């Protein structure tokens, strides 16, 4: 970094949504946690691994509440702030909601980073909130060992239009809004192997707000939504499968990928989080013989500020894709479908 400041990524043991605790470890932690009875107004809690909590305010409004924060995935402080804010706001869109307010969560090693650098991180986050039409109304800061930035985000949604993981239906078509490969790109950055064009593509992808979620929430043919982040495409699809008690198939040839990620992954730019993800849930996935180890890594690649994964009725696919296209998501694609419940012990997701 310029002016004698250390590289942001050098100050963190992980980066972006790759910082997430592995799914299997998280499951073990939550299994032993005490859960108090939820009030009837809590329409969405932790039961089905949805992207945000939803609390009913009245017959036409429910409050969507979420938080997300992580360590740097890039070295530019302004870009780090933008990526973190985009990622946090996405959880509201993934529930079909509209964001209304944010609070900043800031932990910085003040002995290593100057106030100017920290200010740039916050400025980046504020710029994305402005694009989303919301203010940062406050927050909390601490002196931390590693740089951490993110947001609490509040939103509103009609109680009848919430898009839960549990509401996918057999026969639904799966649409992915953004290409995969952010984790590979971030690993390549640490190895100084990502070129300028790749970096620009990474920033464009990770700072693109998942605004189609607001309108997708109003489409009756859209049954469920989530966003693809730290657990990879397979991990978040499995959350849909578990929540709705269904299985799914994926067509690897139709999954959109960022430019050059296959070659980068073949060259070793694969994150440890990708391997941890597979170790956590690989037993629930069936891979066709032609699926390579690199393709497996891309399906488990942790996405920072990834795309929306939509389960919709077949007759709604054209409307869903048209909406993505209108809002600038040129890579949105049909990648598979939801199917009936698997038999006992059978894989929940089949990749062909």
Foldseek 3Di string as FASTA:
>chain_A
DPPPADFQVVLDPDAFLLPDDAPQVVVVVVVPDDDDDDDPQFPDDPPLPALFTWGDDDQFKIKTKHKDKTGHLGRQLLLSLLLQLLLGVQSQLQFLWQWAEKAKEWEEQPVRDPPVSNVSSPVSNQVLCVVSVYGHPYYDYYHDSHTMIHIIIMTMGTPVLTAALQFFDAQWFKKWLAAFQLQLQSLCVVVVNQDPVRVVQSSVQSNQHQVLSNVLSVDPQWGHKHFAFAQFQVVVVVSSCVSNLWFKEWELVLGHHDPPRLVSVVVPSADPSLVSSCVNQVLQEAEDPPQDPSSSRRRRRGHRNGTMIITGHPVCVVVSVVSSVVSPRVSMTGTIHIRGHDDVSHRRYYYD
